[in-house]
C-alpha atoms as a PDB file:
ATOM      1  CA  MET A   1      23.496 -18.325-101.588  1.00  0.00           C
ATOM      2  CA  SER A   2      22.523 -21.757-102.802  1.00  0.00           C
ATOM      3  CA  LYS A   3      26.179 -22.764-102.690  1.00  0.00           C
ATOM      4  CA  SER A   4      26.452 -22.037 -98.947  1.00  0.00           C
ATOM      5  CA  LYS A   5      23.179 -23.848 -98.253  1.00  0.00           C
ATOM      6  CA  SER A   6      24.393 -26.947-100.078  1.00  0.00           C
ATOM      7  CA  ARG A   7      27.567 -27.078 -97.946  1.00  0.00           C
ATOM      8  CA  PHE A   8      25.784 -26.644 -94.620  1.00  0.00           C
ATOM      9  CA  PRO A   9      24.248 -30.139 -94.374  1.00  0.00           C
ATOM     10  CA  ALA A  10      27.638 -31.751 -95.057  1.00  0.00           C
ATOM     11  CA  THR A  11      29.248 -29.661 -92.309  1.00  0.00           C
ATOM     12  CA  VAL A  12      26.528 -30.606 -89.838  1.00  0.00           C
ATOM     13  CA  SER A  13      26.850 -34.260 -90.814  1.00  0.00           C
ATOM     14  CA  ARG A  14      30.635 -34.231 -90.286  1.00  0.00           C
ATOM     15  CA  SER A  15      30.212 -32.433 -86.974  1.00  0.00           C
ATOM     16  CA  LYS A  16      27.775 -35.083 -85.745  1.00  0.00           C
ATOM     17  CA  SER A  17      30.047 -37.871 -86.998  1.00  0.00           C
ATOM     18  CA  VAL A  18      33.131 -36.564 -85.217  1.00  0.00           C
ATOM     19  CA  ARG A  19      31.184 -36.052 -81.988  1.00  0.00           C
ATOM     20  CA  SER A  20      29.861 -39.616 -82.084  1.00  0.00           C
ATOM     21  CA  LEU A  21      33.283 -41.230 -82.637  1.00  0.00           C
ATOM     22  CA  THR A  22      34.210 -43.141 -79.456  1.00  0.00           C
ATOM     23  CA  CYS A  23      37.460 -44.340 -77.924  1.00  0.00           C
ATOM     24  CA  GLY A  24      36.316 -47.936 -78.341  1.00  0.00           C
ATOM     25  CA  GLN A  25      35.952 -47.486 -82.100  1.00  0.00           C
ATOM     26  CA  VAL A  26      39.500 -46.224 -82.692  1.00  0.00           C
ATOM     27  CA  MET A  27      41.629 -47.513 -79.795  1.00  0.00           C
ATOM     28  CA  SER A  28      44.945 -49.310 -80.239  1.00  0.00           C
ATOM     29  CA  SER A  29      46.057 -52.468 -78.461  1.00  0.00           C
ATOM     30  CA  PRO A  30      47.172 -51.745 -74.899  1.00  0.00           C
ATOM     31  CA  HIS A  31      50.803 -51.980 -73.804  1.00  0.00           C
ATOM     32  CA  VAL A  32      50.644 -53.818 -70.474  1.00  0.00           C
ATOM     33  CA  ILE A  33      52.755 -55.716 -67.961  1.00  0.00           C
ATOM     34  CA  GLY A  34      51.693 -57.351 -64.715  1.00  0.00           C
ATOM     35  CA  LYS A  35      52.059 -55.683 -61.327  1.00  0.00           C
ATOM     36  CA  ASN A  36      54.753 -58.182 -60.278  1.00  0.00           C
ATOM     37  CA  ALA A  37      57.007 -57.443 -63.265  1.00  0.00           C
ATOM     38  CA  SER A  38      60.418 -55.984 -62.481  1.00  0.00           C
ATOM     39  CA  VAL A  39      61.936 -52.767 -63.802  1.00  0.00           C
ATOM     40  CA  ALA A  40      64.088 -54.989 -66.042  1.00  0.00           C
ATOM     41  CA  ASP A  41      60.935 -56.605 -67.464  1.00  0.00           C
ATOM     42  CA  ALA A  42      59.400 -53.194 -68.155  1.00  0.00           C
ATOM     43  CA  LEU A  43      62.584 -51.967 -69.816  1.00  0.00           C
ATOM     44  CA  ASP A  44      62.824 -55.120 -71.923  1.00  0.00           C
ATOM     45  CA  VAL A  45      59.224 -54.822 -73.128  1.00  0.00           C
ATOM     46  CA  ILE A  46      59.521 -51.101 -73.869  1.00  0.00           C
ATOM     47  CA  THR A  47      62.765 -51.428 -75.832  1.00  0.00           C
ATOM     48  CA  SER A  48      62.055 -54.689 -77.662  1.00  0.00           C
ATOM     49  CA  ARG A  49      58.695 -53.488 -78.945  1.00  0.00           C
ATOM     50  CA  ASP A  50      59.720 -49.864 -79.518  1.00  0.00           C
ATOM     51  CA  TRP A  51      57.073 -48.528 -77.127  1.00  0.00           C
ATOM     52  CA  ASP A  52      57.364 -45.366 -75.059  1.00  0.00           C
ATOM     53  CA  HIS A  53      55.205 -46.573 -72.151  1.00  0.00           C
ATOM     54  CA  VAL A  54      53.539 -49.545 -70.481  1.00  0.00           C
ATOM     55  CA  PHE A  55      50.508 -49.747 -68.245  1.00  0.00           C
ATOM     56  CA  ILE A  56      50.894 -51.764 -65.053  1.00  0.00           C
ATOM     57  CA  VAL A  57      47.837 -53.978 -64.512  1.00  0.00           C
ATOM     58  CA  ASN A  58      46.685 -56.195 -61.659  1.00  0.00           C
ATOM     59  CA  SER A  59      45.643 -59.837 -62.090  1.00  0.00           C
ATOM     60  CA  GLU A  60      42.188 -58.740 -63.348  1.00  0.00           C
ATOM     61  CA  ARG A  61      43.803 -56.447 -66.009  1.00  0.00           C
ATOM     62  CA  VAL A  62      42.670 -53.321 -64.156  1.00  0.00           C
ATOM     63  CA  PRO A  63      45.222 -50.535 -64.733  1.00  0.00           C
ATOM     64  CA  ILE A  64      47.206 -49.571 -61.637  1.00  0.00           C
ATOM     65  CA  GLY A  65      49.424 -46.987 -63.286  1.00  0.00           C
ATOM     66  CA  ARG A  66      51.606 -46.131 -66.244  1.00  0.00           C
ATOM     67  CA  ILE A  67      55.369 -46.128 -66.664  1.00  0.00           C
ATOM     68  CA  HIS A  68      56.936 -43.994 -69.364  1.00  0.00           C
ATOM     69  CA  ALA A  69      60.371 -44.780 -70.794  1.00  0.00           C
ATOM     70  CA  VAL A  70      61.573 -41.459 -69.371  1.00  0.00           C
ATOM     71  CA  ASP A  71      60.682 -42.664 -65.853  1.00  0.00           C
ATOM     72  CA  ILE A  72      63.048 -45.599 -66.283  1.00  0.00           C
ATOM     73  CA  LEU A  73      65.796 -43.353 -67.668  1.00  0.00           C
ATOM     74  CA  LYS A  74      65.484 -41.070 -64.645  1.00  0.00           C
ATOM     75  CA  LEU A  75      65.819 -44.050 -62.313  1.00  0.00           C
ATOM     76  CA  VAL A  76      68.885 -45.345 -64.165  1.00  0.00           C
ATOM     77  CA  ALA A  77      70.467 -41.874 -64.054  1.00  0.00           C
ATOM     78  CA  LYS A  78      70.170 -41.826 -60.243  1.00  0.00           C
ATOM     79  CA  LYS A  79      72.194 -45.048 -59.932  1.00  0.00           C
ATOM     80  CA  THR A  80      75.594 -43.329 -59.977  1.00  0.00           C
ATOM     81  CA  VAL A  81      77.586 -45.735 -57.783  1.00  0.00           C
ATOM     82  CA  ASN A  82      76.650 -49.155 -59.128  1.00  0.00           C
ATOM     83  CA  ARG A  83      76.018 -49.318 -62.878  1.00  0.00           C
ATOM     84  CA  ASP A  84      75.300 -53.056 -63.127  1.00  0.00           C
ATOM     85  CA  VAL A  85      71.772 -54.072 -64.012  1.00  0.00           C
ATOM     86  CA  ALA A  86      71.137 -56.621 -61.254  1.00  0.00           C
ATOM     87  CA  TRP A  87      69.184 -54.075 -59.217  1.00  0.00           C
ATOM     88  CA  MET A  88      66.629 -53.764 -62.034  1.00  0.00           C
ATOM     89  CA  HIS A  89      65.574 -57.378 -61.549  1.00  0.00           C
ATOM     90  CA  THR A  90      64.799 -56.840 -57.857  1.00  0.00           C
ATOM     91  CA  ILE A  91      62.748 -53.631 -58.029  1.00  0.00           C
ATOM     92  CA  PRO A  92      59.067 -54.085 -58.967  1.00  0.00           C
ATOM     93  CA  ALA A  93      58.022 -51.909 -61.901  1.00  0.00           C
ATOM     94  CA  LYS A  94      54.952 -50.788 -59.952  1.00  0.00           C
ATOM     95  CA  GLN A  95      57.307 -48.769 -57.703  1.00  0.00           C
ATOM     96  CA  LEU A  96      57.943 -46.446 -60.656  1.00  0.00           C
ATOM     97  CA  VAL A  97      54.255 -45.557 -60.848  1.00  0.00           C
ATOM     98  CA  THR A  98      53.842 -42.041 -59.488  1.00  0.00           C
ATOM     99  CA  GLN A  99      50.134 -41.646 -60.193  1.00  0.00           C
ATOM    100  CA  GLU A 100      47.204 -43.827 -61.162  1.00  0.00           C
ATOM    101  CA  ALA A 101      46.552 -44.423 -64.831  1.00  0.00           C
ATOM    102  CA  MET A 102      44.008 -42.032 -66.263  1.00  0.00           C
ATOM    103  CA  THR A 103      41.291 -44.058 -67.956  1.00  0.00           C
ATOM    104  CA  MET A 104      38.366 -43.613 -70.306  1.00  0.00           C
ATOM    105  CA  LYS A 105      35.466 -45.940 -71.005  1.00  0.00           C
ATOM    106  CA  GLU A 106      35.058 -47.440 -74.480  1.00  0.00           C
ATOM    107  CA  SER A 107      31.964 -45.277 -74.941  1.00  0.00           C
ATOM    108  CA  THR A 108      33.784 -41.993 -74.204  1.00  0.00           C
ATOM    109  CA  PRO A 109      33.804 -39.623 -77.195  1.00  0.00           C
ATOM    110  CA  LEU A 110      37.241 -39.327 -78.813  1.00  0.00           C
ATOM    111  CA  LEU A 111      37.022 -35.529 -78.633  1.00  0.00           C
ATOM    112  CA  LYS A 112      36.641 -35.725 -74.851  1.00  0.00           C
ATOM    113  CA  ALA A 113      39.668 -38.026 -74.594  1.00  0.00           C
ATOM    114  CA  ALA A 114      41.699 -35.651 -76.775  1.00  0.00           C
ATOM    115  CA  ALA A 115      40.736 -32.696 -74.580  1.00  0.00           C
ATOM    116  CA  LEU A 116      41.694 -34.642 -71.454  1.00  0.00           C
ATOM    117  CA  MET A 117      45.101 -35.534 -72.905  1.00  0.00           C
ATOM    118  CA  LEU A 118      45.741 -31.889 -73.749  1.00  0.00           C
ATOM    119  CA  THR A 119      44.560 -30.643 -70.357  1.00  0.00           C
ATOM    120  CA  HIS A 120      46.701 -33.104 -68.386  1.00  0.00           C
ATOM    121  CA  ASP A 121      49.685 -33.155 -70.797  1.00  0.00           C
ATOM    122  CA  LEU A 122      49.357 -36.900 -71.449  1.00  0.00           C
ATOM    123  CA  ASN A 123      50.438 -38.854 -74.519  1.00  0.00           C
ATOM    124  CA  GLN A 124      47.971 -41.684 -74.028  1.00  0.00           C
ATOM    125  CA  LEU A 125      45.005 -42.844 -71.980  1.00  0.00           C
ATOM    126  CA  ALA A 126      43.944 -46.349 -71.020  1.00  0.00           C
ATOM    127  CA  VAL A 127      40.566 -47.414 -72.406  1.00  0.00           C
ATOM    128  CA  THR A 128      38.600 -49.691 -70.081  1.00  0.00           C
ATOM    129  CA  ASN A 129      35.471 -51.812 -70.351  1.00  0.00           C
ATOM    130  CA  ASN A 130      32.568 -51.736 -67.883  1.00  0.00           C
ATOM    131  CA  GLN A 131      34.498 -53.968 -65.454  1.00  0.00           C
ATOM    132  CA  GLY A 132      37.426 -51.527 -65.404  1.00  0.00           C
ATOM    133  CA  GLN A 133      39.730 -53.851 -67.361  1.00  0.00           C
ATOM    134  CA  ILE A 134      42.076 -52.304 -69.893  1.00  0.00           C
ATOM    135  CA  VAL A 135      41.018 -53.113 -73.447  1.00  0.00           C
ATOM    136  CA  GLY A 136      42.988 -50.526 -75.412  1.00  0.00           C
ATOM    137  CA  THR A 137      44.701 -47.163 -75.491  1.00  0.00           C
ATOM    138  CA  VAL A 138      44.010 -43.851 -77.143  1.00  0.00           C
ATOM    139  CA  SER A 139      47.022 -41.707 -77.950  1.00  0.00           C
ATOM    140  CA  HIS A 140      47.826 -38.475 -79.766  1.00  0.00           C
ATOM    141  CA  SER A 141      48.577 -40.512 -82.885  1.00  0.00           C
ATOM    142  CA  VAL A 142      45.139 -42.188 -82.747  1.00  0.00           C
ATOM    143  CA  VAL A 143      43.510 -38.760 -82.499  1.00  0.00           C
ATOM    144  CA  ALA A 144      45.671 -37.379 -85.330  1.00  0.00           C
ATOM    145  CA  ARG A 145      44.804 -40.377 -87.519  1.00  0.00           C
ATOM    146  CA  ASN A 146      41.049 -40.083 -87.030  1.00  0.00           C
ATOM    147  CA  LEU A 147      39.984 -36.469 -86.568  1.00  0.00           C
ATOM    148  CA  PRO A 148      41.286 -35.012 -89.873  1.00  0.00           C
ATOM    149  CA  LYS A 149      38.797 -37.219 -91.739  1.00  0.00           C
ATOM    150  CA  PHE A 150      36.035 -35.042 -90.337  1.00  0.00           C
ATOM    151  CA  ILE A 151      37.769 -31.680 -90.447  1.00  0.00           C
ATOM    152  CA  LEU A 152      38.979 -31.689 -94.047  1.00  0.00           C
END
């Protein structure tokens, strides 16, 4: 009996700690390009830095949308007649954005962000400050790196 009582406070403490962990505390640097960047620019940034996505931001660094590497591959696959890459320099990357970027505030609990990613089948979310500017990202890997500390 005393053994179970001695474990209970530690469990409660870990539970409170994991619930108080915020996106702002664990976020990674954001992967961004400007709204006037071309598809070629997006592809270059994604491949040269080994990223799987970029967020498109306006001049105030407010996220407009997100482009995943798969989106670019789908566009390239549709170009069956002309395989040269000149067209990629003329098409703005923002045209590949199909939906607005889903964002979280820095103060949002990490557990809430993780639940949102699972619910909407997303790999990452943009983290914004109070002005709506992107300041970081939270991804599945960020969640996987931080939550086991509290579970184990």
